[in-house]
Amino acid sequence: MTLKITGLDHIQICVPTDQEETAREFYLNILNFEEIEKPKSLKKNGGFWCCAGDAFLHIGVEEFDAITSKRHPAFIVEDITETRKHLEHYQVPIKEDTPIPGIVRFSCFDPFNNRIELLQRIDD
């Protein structure tokens, strides 16, 4: 039998325990994710789940030191130019990423220094 990955179920990132409301503000109100119900058995752990289109994001809470890392979710957006304008309006930090043929992309950072890649596929 061969292992075959068929898609992405979800991405989980973590934020400091005392910053869940700041995370909610960023992901729900600035990035426009929609909060979805967590299973009852997991609610005691804190955090929240959300989605945008087919992208599911789980925000966990824990004590940690944020460090520069390659870990990140990458989300496809409908209009990369409008996405950038929206983030700039909220003064969200933006980082230019190395170009990839057929993709326009950049990264931004949430209030906890988690990198989030945003991309739009383009025709050559």
PDB file of N, CA and C in Angstrom:
ATOM      1  N   MET A   1       0.843  -1.180   0.000  1.00  0.00           N
ATOM      2  CA  MET A   1       0.000   0.000   0.000  1.00  0.00           C
ATOM      3  C   MET A   1       0.886   1.240   0.000  1.00  0.00           C
ATOM      4  N   THR A   2       0.486   2.270  -0.759  1.00  0.00           N
ATOM      5  CA  THR A   2       1.240   3.508  -0.868  1.00  0.00           C
ATOM      6  C   THR A   2       0.498   4.627  -0.157  1.00  0.00           C
ATOM      7  N   LEU A   3       1.233   5.433   0.569  1.00  0.00           N
ATOM      8  CA  LEU A   3       0.657   6.606   1.222  1.00  0.00           C
ATOM      9  C   LEU A   3       0.426   7.681   0.188  1.00  0.00           C
ATOM     10  N   LYS A   4      -0.775   8.277   0.176  1.00  0.00           N
ATOM     11  CA  LYS A   4      -1.088   9.351  -0.765  1.00  0.00           C
ATOM     12  C   LYS A   4      -1.794  10.475  -0.022  1.00  0.00           C
ATOM     13  N   ILE A   5      -1.141  11.597   0.085  1.00  0.00           N
ATOM     14  CA  ILE A   5      -1.753  12.769   0.691  1.00  0.00           C
ATOM     15  C   ILE A   5      -2.721  13.361  -0.321  1.00  0.00           C
ATOM     16  N   THR A   6      -3.954  13.635   0.097  1.00  0.00           N
ATOM     17  CA  THR A   6      -4.960  14.145  -0.842  1.00  0.00           C
ATOM     18  C   THR A   6      -5.387  15.576  -0.575  1.00  0.00           C
ATOM     19  N   GLY A   7      -4.852  16.214   0.445  1.00  0.00           N
ATOM     20  CA  GLY A   7      -5.230  17.597   0.716  1.00  0.00           C
ATOM     21  C   GLY A   7      -4.735  18.044   2.076  1.00  0.00           C
ATOM     22  N   LEU A   8      -5.110  19.211   2.438  1.00  0.00           N
ATOM     23  CA  LEU A   8      -4.739  19.785   3.720  1.00  0.00           C
ATOM     24  C   LEU A   8      -5.972  19.809   4.608  1.00  0.00           C
ATOM     25  N   ASP A   9      -5.882  19.197   5.796  1.00  0.00           N
ATOM     26  CA  ASP A   9      -7.014  19.208   6.720  1.00  0.00           C
ATOM     27  C   ASP A   9      -7.052  20.509   7.498  1.00  0.00           C
ATOM     28  N   HIS A  10      -5.952  20.843   8.165  1.00  0.00           N
ATOM     29  CA  HIS A  10      -5.893  22.084   8.921  1.00  0.00           C
ATOM     30  C   HIS A  10      -4.444  22.421   9.235  1.00  0.00           C
ATOM     31  N   ILE A  11      -4.245  23.624   9.691  1.00  0.00           N
ATOM     32  CA  ILE A  11      -2.950  24.079  10.184  1.00  0.00           C
ATOM     33  C   ILE A  11      -3.187  24.540  11.615  1.00  0.00           C
ATOM     34  N   GLN A  12      -2.289  24.176  12.513  1.00  0.00           N
ATOM     35  CA  GLN A  12      -2.384  24.676  13.881  1.00  0.00           C
ATOM     36  C   GLN A  12      -1.169  25.534  14.173  1.00  0.00           C
ATOM     37  N   ILE A  13      -1.432  26.702  14.706  1.00  0.00           N
ATOM     38  CA  ILE A  13      -0.376  27.559  15.206  1.00  0.00           C
ATOM     39  C   ILE A  13      -0.681  27.831  16.670  1.00  0.00           C
ATOM     40  N   CYS A  14       0.284  28.350  17.388  1.00  0.00           N
ATOM     41  CA  CYS A  14       0.089  28.621  18.804  1.00  0.00           C
ATOM     42  C   CYS A  14       0.372  30.080  19.125  1.00  0.00           C
ATOM     43  N   VAL A  15      -0.353  30.567  20.102  1.00  0.00           N
ATOM     44  CA  VAL A  15      -0.183  31.922  20.605  1.00  0.00           C
ATOM     45  C   VAL A  15      -0.048  31.833  22.123  1.00  0.00           C
ATOM     46  N   PRO A  16       0.524  32.851  22.765  1.00  0.00           N
ATOM     47  CA  PRO A  16       0.650  32.806  24.227  1.00  0.00           C
ATOM     48  C   PRO A  16      -0.717  32.686  24.908  1.00  0.00           C
ATOM     49  N   THR A  17      -0.743  31.972  26.005  1.00  0.00           N
ATOM     50  CA  THR A  17      -1.985  31.684  26.725  1.00  0.00           C
ATOM     51  C   THR A  17      -2.808  32.933  27.019  1.00  0.00           C
ATOM     52  N   ASP A  18      -2.161  34.024  27.384  1.00  0.00           N
ATOM     53  CA  ASP A  18      -2.902  35.221  27.762  1.00  0.00           C
ATOM     54  C   ASP A  18      -3.247  36.127  26.568  1.00  0.00           C
ATOM     55  N   GLN A  19      -3.047  35.637  25.347  1.00  0.00           N
ATOM     56  CA  GLN A  19      -3.268  36.464  24.160  1.00  0.00           C
ATOM     57  C   GLN A  19      -4.340  35.910  23.218  1.00  0.00           C
ATOM     58  N   GLU A  20      -5.210  35.045  23.720  1.00  0.00           N
ATOM     59  CA  GLU A  20      -6.237  34.442  22.862  1.00  0.00           C
ATOM     60  C   GLU A  20      -7.149  35.502  22.241  1.00  0.00           C
ATOM     61  N   GLU A  21      -7.538  36.511  22.989  1.00  0.00           N
ATOM     62  CA  GLU A  21      -8.423  37.544  22.439  1.00  0.00           C
ATOM     63  C   GLU A  21      -7.724  38.383  21.370  1.00  0.00           C
ATOM     64  N   THR A  22      -6.438  38.644  21.540  1.00  0.00           N
ATOM     65  CA  THR A  22      -5.679  39.349  20.505  1.00  0.00           C
ATOM     66  C   THR A  22      -5.639  38.510  19.234  1.00  0.00           C
ATOM     67  N   ALA A  23      -5.462  37.201  19.388  1.00  0.00           N
ATOM     68  CA  ALA A  23      -5.460  36.295  18.237  1.00  0.00           C
ATOM     69  C   ALA A  23      -6.824  36.292  17.558  1.00  0.00           C
ATOM     70  N   ARG A  24      -7.870  36.265  18.353  1.00  0.00           N
ATOM     71  CA  ARG A  24      -9.226  36.293  17.806  1.00  0.00           C
ATOM     72  C   ARG A  24      -9.433  37.559  16.966  1.00  0.00           C
ATOM     73  N   GLU A  25      -9.014  38.698  17.496  1.00  0.00           N
ATOM     74  CA  GLU A  25      -9.151  39.968  16.782  1.00  0.00           C
ATOM     75  C   GLU A  25      -8.413  39.912  15.442  1.00  0.00           C
ATOM     76  N   PHE A  26      -7.173  39.417  15.445  1.00  0.00           N
ATOM     77  CA  PHE A  26      -6.374  39.371  14.224  1.00  0.00           C
ATOM     78  C   PHE A  26      -6.967  38.402  13.197  1.00  0.00           C
ATOM     79  N   TYR A  27      -7.198  37.172  13.591  1.00  0.00           N
ATOM     80  CA  TYR A  27      -7.629  36.155  12.625  1.00  0.00           C
ATOM     81  C   TYR A  27      -9.086  36.316  12.192  1.00  0.00           C
ATOM     82  N   LEU A  28      -9.966  36.709  13.098  1.00  0.00           N
ATOM     83  CA  LEU A  28     -11.379  36.831  12.744  1.00  0.00           C
ATOM     84  C   LEU A  28     -11.723  38.188  12.143  1.00  0.00           C
ATOM     85  N   ASN A  29     -11.160  39.260  12.684  1.00  0.00           N
ATOM     86  CA  ASN A  29     -11.559  40.593  12.237  1.00  0.00           C
ATOM     87  C   ASN A  29     -10.645  41.212  11.190  1.00  0.00           C
ATOM     88  N   ILE A  30      -9.361  40.865  11.195  1.00  0.00           N
ATOM     89  CA  ILE A  30      -8.459  41.438  10.193  1.00  0.00           C
ATOM     90  C   ILE A  30      -8.297  40.498   9.004  1.00  0.00           C
ATOM     91  N   LEU A  31      -8.021  39.207   9.267  1.00  0.00           N
ATOM     92  CA  LEU A  31      -7.891  38.256   8.152  1.00  0.00           C
ATOM     93  C   LEU A  31      -9.239  37.677   7.707  1.00  0.00           C
ATOM     94  N   ASN A  32     -10.299  37.986   8.430  1.00  0.00           N
ATOM     95  CA  ASN A  32     -11.665  37.600   8.053  1.00  0.00           C
ATOM     96  C   ASN A  32     -11.936  36.100   8.039  1.00  0.00           C
ATOM     97  N   PHE A  33     -11.260  35.347   8.910  1.00  0.00           N
ATOM     98  CA  PHE A  33     -11.646  33.957   9.113  1.00  0.00           C
ATOM     99  C   PHE A  33     -12.969  33.932   9.870  1.00  0.00           C
ATOM    100  N   GLU A  34     -13.682  32.821   9.770  1.00  0.00           N
ATOM    101  CA  GLU A  34     -14.929  32.625  10.502  1.00  0.00           C
ATOM    102  C   GLU A  34     -14.681  31.595  11.596  1.00  0.00           C
ATOM    103  N   GLU A  35     -15.072  31.908  12.813  1.00  0.00           N
ATOM    104  CA  GLU A  35     -14.875  30.951  13.907  1.00  0.00           C
ATOM    105  C   GLU A  35     -15.846  29.788  13.754  1.00  0.00           C
ATOM    106  N   ILE A  36     -15.337  28.577  13.971  1.00  0.00           N
ATOM    107  CA  ILE A  36     -16.167  27.377  13.928  1.00  0.00           C
ATOM    108  C   ILE A  36     -16.080  26.675  15.282  1.00  0.00           C
ATOM    109  N   GLU A  37     -17.060  25.869  15.563  1.00  0.00           N
ATOM    110  CA  GLU A  37     -17.159  25.186  16.852  1.00  0.00           C
ATOM    111  C   GLU A  37     -16.056  24.144  17.011  1.00  0.00           C
ATOM    112  N   LYS A  38     -15.368  24.209  18.155  1.00  0.00           N
ATOM    113  CA  LYS A  38     -14.396  23.166  18.514  1.00  0.00           C
ATOM    114  C   LYS A  38     -15.166  22.001  19.124  1.00  0.00           C
ATOM    115  N   PRO A  39     -14.654  20.784  18.980  1.00  0.00           N
ATOM    116  CA  PRO A  39     -15.298  19.659  19.669  1.00  0.00           C
ATOM    117  C   PRO A  39     -15.306  19.901  21.184  1.00  0.00           C
ATOM    118  N   LYS A  40     -16.379  19.519  21.820  1.00  0.00           N
ATOM    119  CA  LYS A  40     -16.541  19.714  23.268  1.00  0.00           C
ATOM    120  C   LYS A  40     -15.341  19.166  24.035  1.00  0.00           C
ATOM    121  N   SER A  41     -14.817  18.033  23.610  1.00  0.00           N
ATOM    122  CA  SER A  41     -13.712  17.390  24.320  1.00  0.00           C
ATOM    123  C   SER A  41     -12.421  18.207  24.282  1.00  0.00           C
ATOM    124  N   LEU A  42     -12.301  19.159  23.352  1.00  0.00           N
ATOM    125  CA  LEU A  42     -11.082  19.957  23.221  1.00  0.00           C
ATOM    126  C   LEU A  42     -11.212  21.378  23.762  1.00  0.00           C
ATOM    127  N   LYS A  43     -12.419  21.810  24.087  1.00  0.00           N
ATOM    128  CA  LYS A  43     -12.624  23.187  24.541  1.00  0.00           C
ATOM    129  C   LYS A  43     -11.826  23.516  25.795  1.00  0.00           C
ATOM    130  N   LYS A  44     -11.622  22.523  26.658  1.00  0.00           N
ATOM    131  CA  LYS A  44     -10.898  22.767  27.912  1.00  0.00           C
ATOM    132  C   LYS A  44      -9.450  23.195  27.666  1.00  0.00           C
ATOM    133  N   ASN A  45      -8.917  22.918  26.478  1.00  0.00           N
ATOM    134  CA  ASN A  45      -7.535  23.262  26.151  1.00  0.00           C
ATOM    135  C   ASN A  45      -7.356  24.728  25.779  1.00  0.00           C
ATOM    136  N   GLY A  46      -8.445  25.465  25.609  1.00  0.00           N
ATOM    137  CA  GLY A  46      -8.364  26.850  25.172  1.00  0.00           C
ATOM    138  C   GLY A  46      -8.140  26.944  23.676  1.00  0.00           C
ATOM    139  N   GLY A  47      -7.981  28.142  23.196  1.00  0.00           N
ATOM    140  CA  GLY A  47      -7.803  28.352  21.766  1.00  0.00           C
ATOM    141  C   GLY A  47      -9.132  28.314  21.034  1.00  0.00           C
ATOM    142  N   PHE A  48      -9.053  28.376  19.715  1.00  0.00           N
ATOM    143  CA  PHE A  48     -10.266  28.361  18.900  1.00  0.00           C
ATOM    144  C   PHE A  48      -9.940  27.852  17.504  1.00  0.00           C
ATOM    145  N   TRP A  49     -10.970  27.446  16.798  1.00  0.00           N
ATOM    146  CA  TRP A  49     -10.836  26.986  15.419  1.00  0.00           C
ATOM    147  C   TRP A  49     -11.544  27.970  14.506  1.00  0.00           C
ATOM    148  N   CYS A  50     -11.018  28.103  13.276  1.00  0.00           N
ATOM    149  CA  CYS A  50     -11.658  28.980  12.314  1.00  0.00           C
ATOM    150  C   CYS A  50     -11.400  28.474  10.896  1.00  0.00           C
ATOM    151  N   CYS A  51     -12.120  29.075   9.944  1.00  0.00           N
ATOM    152  CA  CYS A  51     -11.943  28.667   8.549  1.00  0.00           C
ATOM    153  C   CYS A  51     -12.171  29.860   7.629  1.00  0.00           C
ATOM    154  N   ALA A  52     -11.636  29.725   6.426  1.00  0.00           N
ATOM    155  CA  ALA A  52     -11.872  30.668   5.335  1.00  0.00           C
ATOM    156  C   ALA A  52     -11.862  29.831   4.069  1.00  0.00           C
ATOM    157  N   GLY A  53     -13.005  29.726   3.416  1.00  0.00           N
ATOM    158  CA  GLY A  53     -13.103  28.832   2.260  1.00  0.00           C
ATOM    159  C   GLY A  53     -12.805  27.409   2.694  1.00  0.00           C
ATOM    160  N   ASP A  54     -11.865  26.764   2.012  1.00  0.00           N
ATOM    161  CA  ASP A  54     -11.470  25.397   2.356  1.00  0.00           C
ATOM    162  C   ASP A  54     -10.285  25.349   3.313  1.00  0.00           C
ATOM    163  N   ALA A  55      -9.847  26.496   3.818  1.00  0.00           N
ATOM    164  CA  ALA A  55      -8.689  26.558   4.711  1.00  0.00           C
ATOM    165  C   ALA A  55      -9.152  26.531   6.166  1.00  0.00           C
ATOM    166  N   PHE A  56      -8.690  25.533   6.911  1.00  0.00           N
ATOM    167  CA  PHE A  56      -9.033  25.408   8.329  1.00  0.00           C
ATOM    168  C   PHE A  56      -7.801  25.701   9.166  1.00  0.00           C
ATOM    169  N   LEU A  57      -7.970  26.583  10.157  1.00  0.00           N
ATOM    170  CA  LEU A  57      -6.880  27.017  11.003  1.00  0.00           C
ATOM    171  C   LEU A  57      -7.266  26.800  12.455  1.00  0.00           C
ATOM    172  N   HIS A  58      -6.409  26.102  13.195  1.00  0.00           N
ATOM    173  CA  HIS A  58      -6.614  25.880  14.623  1.00  0.00           C
ATOM    174  C   HIS A  58      -5.617  26.751  15.371  1.00  0.00           C
ATOM    175  N   ILE A  59      -6.124  27.575  16.266  1.00  0.00           N
ATOM    176  CA  ILE A  59      -5.271  28.437  17.078  1.00  0.00           C
ATOM    177  C   ILE A  59      -5.203  27.811  18.466  1.00  0.00           C
ATOM    178  N   GLY A  60      -4.028  27.325  18.844  1.00  0.00           N
ATOM    179  CA  GLY A  60      -3.831  26.763  20.169  1.00  0.00           C
ATOM    180  C   GLY A  60      -3.182  27.788  21.079  1.00  0.00           C
ATOM    181  N   VAL A  61      -3.298  27.569  22.372  1.00  0.00           N
ATOM    182  CA  VAL A  61      -2.644  28.452  23.330  1.00  0.00           C
ATOM    183  C   VAL A  61      -1.644  27.648  24.141  1.00  0.00           C
ATOM    184  N   GLU A  62      -0.480  28.245  24.364  1.00  0.00           N
ATOM    185  CA  GLU A  62       0.551  27.623  25.179  1.00  0.00           C
ATOM    186  C   GLU A  62       1.594  28.678  25.515  1.00  0.00           C
ATOM    187  N   GLU A  63       2.408  28.386  26.477  1.00  0.00           N
ATOM    188  CA  GLU A  63       3.521  29.280  26.798  1.00  0.00           C
ATOM    189  C   GLU A  63       4.695  28.905  25.905  1.00  0.00           C
ATOM    190  N   PHE A  64       5.224  29.854  25.187  1.00  0.00           N
ATOM    191  CA  PHE A  64       6.339  29.582  24.288  1.00  0.00           C
ATOM    192  C   PHE A  64       7.093  30.865  24.012  1.00  0.00           C
ATOM    193  N   ASP A  65       8.271  30.719  23.463  1.00  0.00           N
ATOM    194  CA  ASP A  65       9.040  31.853  22.989  1.00  0.00           C
ATOM    195  C   ASP A  65       8.988  31.835  21.465  1.00  0.00           C
ATOM    196  N   ALA A  66       8.408  32.865  20.871  1.00  0.00           N
ATOM    197  CA  ALA A  66       8.351  32.938  19.413  1.00  0.00           C
ATOM    198  C   ALA A  66       9.757  33.177  18.874  1.00  0.00           C
ATOM    199  N   ILE A  67      10.179  32.351  17.935  1.00  0.00           N
ATOM    200  CA  ILE A  67      11.483  32.515  17.301  1.00  0.00           C
ATOM    201  C   ILE A  67      11.290  32.511  15.796  1.00  0.00           C
ATOM    202  N   THR A  68      12.245  33.049  15.098  1.00  0.00           N
ATOM    203  CA  THR A  68      12.176  33.044  13.645  1.00  0.00           C
ATOM    204  C   THR A  68      12.240  31.597  13.170  1.00  0.00           C
ATOM    205  N   SER A  69      11.319  31.238  12.308  1.00  0.00           N
ATOM    206  CA  SER A  69      11.202  29.854  11.868  1.00  0.00           C
ATOM    207  C   SER A  69      10.659  29.817  10.445  1.00  0.00           C
ATOM    208  N   LYS A  70      10.821  28.686   9.792  1.00  0.00           N
ATOM    209  CA  LYS A  70      10.244  28.489   8.466  1.00  0.00           C
ATOM    210  C   LYS A  70       8.791  28.026   8.551  1.00  0.00           C
ATOM    211  N   ARG A  71       8.315  27.697   9.745  1.00  0.00           N
ATOM    212  CA  ARG A  71       6.937  27.200   9.873  1.00  0.00           C
ATOM    213  C   ARG A  71       5.961  28.323   9.514  1.00  0.00           C
ATOM    214  N   HIS A  72       4.924  27.954   8.797  1.00  0.00           N
ATOM    215  CA  HIS A  72       3.903  28.927   8.406  1.00  0.00           C
ATOM    216  C   HIS A  72       2.765  28.230   7.678  1.00  0.00           C
ATOM    217  N   PRO A  73       1.581  28.809   7.740  1.00  0.00           N
ATOM    218  CA  PRO A  73       0.525  28.394   6.826  1.00  0.00           C
ATOM    219  C   PRO A  73       0.634  29.238   5.559  1.00  0.00           C
ATOM    220  N   ALA A  74       0.172  28.705   4.450  1.00  0.00           N
ATOM    221  CA  ALA A  74       0.125  29.458   3.195  1.00  0.00           C
ATOM    222  C   ALA A  74      -1.308  29.418   2.687  1.00  0.00           C
ATOM    223  N   PHE A  75      -1.892  30.584   2.493  1.00  0.00           N
ATOM    224  CA  PHE A  75      -3.279  30.681   2.063  1.00  0.00           C
ATOM    225  C   PHE A  75      -3.361  31.296   0.677  1.00  0.00           C
ATOM    226  N   ILE A  76      -4.178  30.712  -0.170  1.00  0.00           N
ATOM    227  CA  ILE A  76      -4.447  31.253  -1.498  1.00  0.00           C
ATOM    228  C   ILE A  76      -5.461  32.375  -1.328  1.00  0.00           C
ATOM    229  N   VAL A  77      -5.215  33.517  -1.956  1.00  0.00           N
ATOM    230  CA  VAL A  77      -6.147  34.640  -1.894  1.00  0.00           C
ATOM    231  C   VAL A  77      -6.666  34.951  -3.290  1.00  0.00           C
ATOM    232  N   GLU A  78      -7.820  35.584  -3.339  1.00  0.00           N
ATOM    233  CA  GLU A  78      -8.446  35.900  -4.621  1.00  0.00           C
ATOM    234  C   GLU A  78      -7.739  37.053  -5.335  1.00  0.00           C
ATOM    235  N   ASP A  79      -7.337  38.071  -4.582  1.00  0.00           N
ATOM    236  CA  ASP A  79      -6.716  39.251  -5.180  1.00  0.00           C
ATOM    237  C   ASP A  79      -5.555  39.688  -4.281  1.00  0.00           C
ATOM    238  N   ILE A  80      -4.347  39.370  -4.687  1.00  0.00           N
ATOM    239  CA  ILE A  80      -3.168  39.621  -3.856  1.00  0.00           C
ATOM    240  C   ILE A  80      -2.946  41.124  -3.633  1.00  0.00           C
ATOM    241  N   THR A  81      -3.276  41.957  -4.627  1.00  0.00           N
ATOM    242  CA  THR A  81      -3.103  43.403  -4.497  1.00  0.00           C
ATOM    243  C   THR A  81      -4.045  43.968  -3.441  1.00  0.00           C
ATOM    244  N   GLU A  82      -5.301  43.566  -3.485  1.00  0.00           N
ATOM    245  CA  GLU A  82      -6.276  44.033  -2.494  1.00  0.00           C
ATOM    246  C   GLU A  82      -5.953  43.481  -1.109  1.00  0.00           C
ATOM    247  N   THR A  83      -5.432  42.265  -1.067  1.00  0.00           N
ATOM    248  CA  THR A  83      -5.036  41.673   0.210  1.00  0.00           C
ATOM    249  C   THR A  83      -3.942  42.510   0.855  1.00  0.00           C
ATOM    250  N   ARG A  84      -2.949  42.889   0.064  1.00  0.00           N
ATOM    251  CA  ARG A  84      -1.856  43.720   0.589  1.00  0.00           C
ATOM    252  C   ARG A  84      -2.400  45.056   1.101  1.00  0.00           C
ATOM    253  N   LYS A  85      -3.273  45.709   0.341  1.00  0.00           N
ATOM    254  CA  LYS A  85      -3.847  46.990   0.757  1.00  0.00           C
ATOM    255  C   LYS A  85      -4.597  46.840   2.079  1.00  0.00           C
ATOM    256  N   HIS A  86      -5.352  45.762   2.205  1.00  0.00           N
ATOM    257  CA  HIS A  86      -6.117  45.503   3.425  1.00  0.00           C
ATOM    258  C   HIS A  86      -5.185  45.382   4.626  1.00  0.00           C
ATOM    259  N   LEU A  87      -4.120  44.604   4.479  1.00  0.00           N
ATOM    260  CA  LEU A  87      -3.180  44.409   5.583  1.00  0.00           C
ATOM    261  C   LEU A  87      -2.427  45.695   5.912  1.00  0.00           C
ATOM    262  N   GLU A  88      -2.052  46.444   4.881  1.00  0.00           N
ATOM    263  CA  GLU A  88      -1.374  47.722   5.110  1.00  0.00           C
ATOM    264  C   GLU A  88      -2.279  48.685   5.873  1.00  0.00           C
ATOM    265  N   HIS A  89      -3.584  48.654   5.578  1.00  0.00           N
ATOM    266  CA  HIS A  89      -4.535  49.502   6.290  1.00  0.00           C
ATOM    267  C   HIS A  89      -4.482  49.228   7.795  1.00  0.00           C
ATOM    268  N   TYR A  90      -4.323  47.963   8.153  1.00  0.00           N
ATOM    269  CA  TYR A  90      -4.252  47.569   9.568  1.00  0.00           C
ATOM    270  C   TYR A  90      -2.825  47.580  10.113  1.00  0.00           C
ATOM    271  N   GLN A  91      -1.889  48.053   9.310  1.00  0.00           N
ATOM    272  CA  GLN A  91      -0.477  48.144   9.694  1.00  0.00           C
ATOM    273  C   GLN A  91       0.103  46.792  10.103  1.00  0.00           C
ATOM    274  N   VAL A  92      -0.308  45.759   9.386  1.00  0.00           N
ATOM    275  CA  VAL A  92       0.216  44.415   9.620  1.00  0.00           C
ATOM    276  C   VAL A  92       1.588  44.322   8.956  1.00  0.00           C
ATOM    277  N   PRO A  93       2.605  43.856   9.673  1.00  0.00           N
ATOM    278  CA  PRO A  93       3.944  43.740   9.077  1.00  0.00           C
ATOM    279  C   PRO A  93       3.945  42.801   7.863  1.00  0.00           C
ATOM    280  N   ILE A  94       4.602  43.258   6.790  1.00  0.00           N
ATOM    281  CA  ILE A  94       4.674  42.495   5.536  1.00  0.00           C
ATOM    282  C   ILE A  94       6.129  42.248   5.182  1.00  0.00           C
ATOM    283  N   LYS A  95       6.409  41.054   4.660  1.00  0.00           N
ATOM    284  CA  LYS A  95       7.752  40.672   4.225  1.00  0.00           C
ATOM    285  C   LYS A  95       7.655  40.166   2.792  1.00  0.00           C
ATOM    286  N   GLU A  96       8.513  40.675   1.930  1.00  0.00           N
ATOM    287  CA  GLU A  96       8.562  40.186   0.555  1.00  0.00           C
ATOM    288  C   GLU A  96       9.214  38.807   0.557  1.00  0.00           C
ATOM    289  N   ASP A  97       8.645  37.888  -0.208  1.00  0.00           N
ATOM    290  CA  ASP A  97       9.191  36.539  -0.300  1.00  0.00           C
ATOM    291  C   ASP A  97       9.903  36.339  -1.635  1.00  0.00           C
ATOM    292  N   THR A  98      10.766  35.350  -1.677  1.00  0.00           N
ATOM    293  CA  THR A  98      11.482  35.008  -2.902  1.00  0.00           C
ATOM    294  C   THR A  98      10.472  34.671  -3.996  1.00  0.00           C
ATOM    295  N   PRO A  99      10.624  35.263  -5.182  1.00  0.00           N
ATOM    296  CA  PRO A  99       9.675  35.002  -6.272  1.00  0.00           C
ATOM    297  C   PRO A  99       9.654  33.524  -6.680  1.00  0.00           C
ATOM    298  N   ILE A 100       8.465  33.079  -7.080  1.00  0.00           N
ATOM    299  CA  ILE A 100       8.250  31.733  -7.618  1.00  0.00           C
ATOM    300  C   ILE A 100       7.488  31.913  -8.923  1.00  0.00           C
ATOM    301  N   PRO A 101       7.941  31.295 -10.028  1.00  0.00           N
ATOM    302  CA  PRO A 101       7.224  31.434 -11.299  1.00  0.00           C
ATOM    303  C   PRO A 101       5.759  31.008 -11.164  1.00  0.00           C
ATOM    304  N   GLY A 102       4.853  31.842 -11.700  1.00  0.00           N
ATOM    305  CA  GLY A 102       3.437  31.529 -11.705  1.00  0.00           C
ATOM    306  C   GLY A 102       2.709  31.865 -10.411  1.00  0.00           C
ATOM    307  N   ILE A 103       3.430  32.447  -9.441  1.00  0.00           N
ATOM    308  CA  ILE A 103       2.815  32.776  -8.153  1.00  0.00           C
ATOM    309  C   ILE A 103       3.257  34.176  -7.726  1.00  0.00           C
ATOM    310  N   VAL A 104       2.303  34.974  -7.299  1.00  0.00           N
ATOM    311  CA  VAL A 104       2.602  36.249  -6.660  1.00  0.00           C
ATOM    312  C   VAL A 104       2.348  36.017  -5.179  1.00  0.00           C
ATOM    313  N   ARG A 105       3.342  36.349  -4.333  1.00  0.00           N
ATOM    314  CA  ARG A 105       3.201  36.036  -2.918  1.00  0.00           C
ATOM    315  C   ARG A 105       3.974  37.011  -2.050  1.00  0.00           C
ATOM    316  N   PHE A 106       3.571  37.076  -0.810  1.00  0.00           N
ATOM    317  CA  PHE A 106       4.296  37.771   0.241  1.00  0.00           C
ATOM    318  C   PHE A 106       3.856  37.157   1.559  1.00  0.00           C
ATOM    319  N   SER A 107       4.565  37.496   2.609  1.00  0.00           N
ATOM    320  CA  SER A 107       4.191  37.023   3.931  1.00  0.00           C
ATOM    321  C   SER A 107       3.836  38.207   4.817  1.00  0.00           C
ATOM    322  N   CYS A 108       3.010  37.932   5.811  1.00  0.00           N
ATOM    323  CA  CYS A 108       2.724  38.910   6.851  1.00  0.00           C
ATOM    324  C   CYS A 108       2.915  38.209   8.191  1.00  0.00           C
ATOM    325  N   PHE A 109       2.815  38.963   9.260  1.00  0.00           N
ATOM    326  CA  PHE A 109       3.031  38.398  10.594  1.00  0.00           C
ATOM    327  C   PHE A 109       1.881  38.766  11.506  1.00  0.00           C
ATOM    328  N   ASP A 110       1.417  37.785  12.262  1.00  0.00           N
ATOM    329  CA  ASP A 110       0.372  38.061  13.245  1.00  0.00           C
ATOM    330  C   ASP A 110       0.989  38.745  14.463  1.00  0.00           C
ATOM    331  N   PRO A 111       0.186  39.130  15.452  1.00  0.00           N
ATOM    332  CA  PRO A 111       0.737  39.838  16.611  1.00  0.00           C
ATOM    333  C   PRO A 111       1.740  39.028  17.435  1.00  0.00           C
ATOM    334  N   PHE A 112       1.898  37.728  17.130  1.00  0.00           N
ATOM    335  CA  PHE A 112       2.788  36.852  17.888  1.00  0.00           C
ATOM    336  C   PHE A 112       4.001  36.433  17.073  1.00  0.00           C
ATOM    337  N   ASN A 113       4.211  37.110  15.930  1.00  0.00           N
ATOM    338  CA  ASN A 113       5.327  36.871  15.029  1.00  0.00           C
ATOM    339  C   ASN A 113       5.236  35.531  14.291  1.00  0.00           C
ATOM    340  N   ASN A 114       4.017  34.973  14.172  1.00  0.00           N
ATOM    341  CA  ASN A 114       3.818  33.810  13.308  1.00  0.00           C
ATOM    342  C   ASN A 114       3.764  34.317  11.872  1.00  0.00           C
ATOM    343  N   ARG A 115       4.541  33.693  10.999  1.00  0.00           N
ATOM    344  CA  ARG A 115       4.552  34.070   9.587  1.00  0.00           C
ATOM    345  C   ARG A 115       3.353  33.449   8.892  1.00  0.00           C
ATOM    346  N   ILE A 116       2.699  34.227   8.017  1.00  0.00           N
ATOM    347  CA  ILE A 116       1.561  33.764   7.228  1.00  0.00           C
ATOM    348  C   ILE A 116       1.852  34.115   5.779  1.00  0.00           C
ATOM    349  N   GLU A 117       1.977  33.103   4.932  1.00  0.00           N
ATOM    350  CA  GLU A 117       2.194  33.351   3.506  1.00  0.00           C
ATOM    351  C   GLU A 117       0.844  33.498   2.820  1.00  0.00           C
ATOM    352  N   LEU A 118       0.744  34.496   1.947  1.00  0.00           N
ATOM    353  CA  LEU A 118      -0.462  34.731   1.152  1.00  0.00           C
ATOM    354  C   LEU A 118      -0.043  34.708  -0.306  1.00  0.00           C
ATOM    355  N   LEU A 119      -0.811  34.001  -1.137  1.00  0.00           N
ATOM    356  CA  LEU A 119      -0.396  33.855  -2.525  1.00  0.00           C
ATOM    357  C   LEU A 119      -1.568  33.838  -3.477  1.00  0.00           C
ATOM    358  N   GLN A 120      -1.267  34.210  -4.717  1.00  0.00           N
ATOM    359  CA  GLN A 120      -2.213  34.126  -5.808  1.00  0.00           C
ATOM    360  C   GLN A 120      -1.498  33.510  -6.996  1.00  0.00           C
ATOM    361  N   ARG A 121      -2.086  32.480  -7.555  1.00  0.00           N
ATOM    362  CA  ARG A 121      -1.514  31.857  -8.762  1.00  0.00           C
ATOM    363  C   ARG A 121      -1.888  32.712  -9.965  1.00  0.00           C
ATOM    364  N   ILE A 122      -0.923  32.884 -10.867  1.00  0.00           N
ATOM    365  CA  ILE A 122      -1.158  33.693 -12.062  1.00  0.00           C
ATOM    366  C   ILE A 122      -0.801  32.886 -13.303  1.00  0.00           C
ATOM    367  N   ASP A 123      -1.406  33.257 -14.419  1.00  0.00           N
ATOM    368  CA  ASP A 123      -1.056  32.619 -15.696  1.00  0.00           C
ATOM    369  C   ASP A 123       0.217  33.257 -16.207  1.00  0.00           C
ATOM    370  N   ASP A 124       1.104  32.430 -16.775  1.00  0.00           N
ATOM    371  CA  ASP A 124       2.344  32.961 -17.335  1.00  0.00           C
ATOM    372  C   ASP A 124       2.099  33.732 -18.603  1.00  0.00           C
TER     373      ASP A 124
END
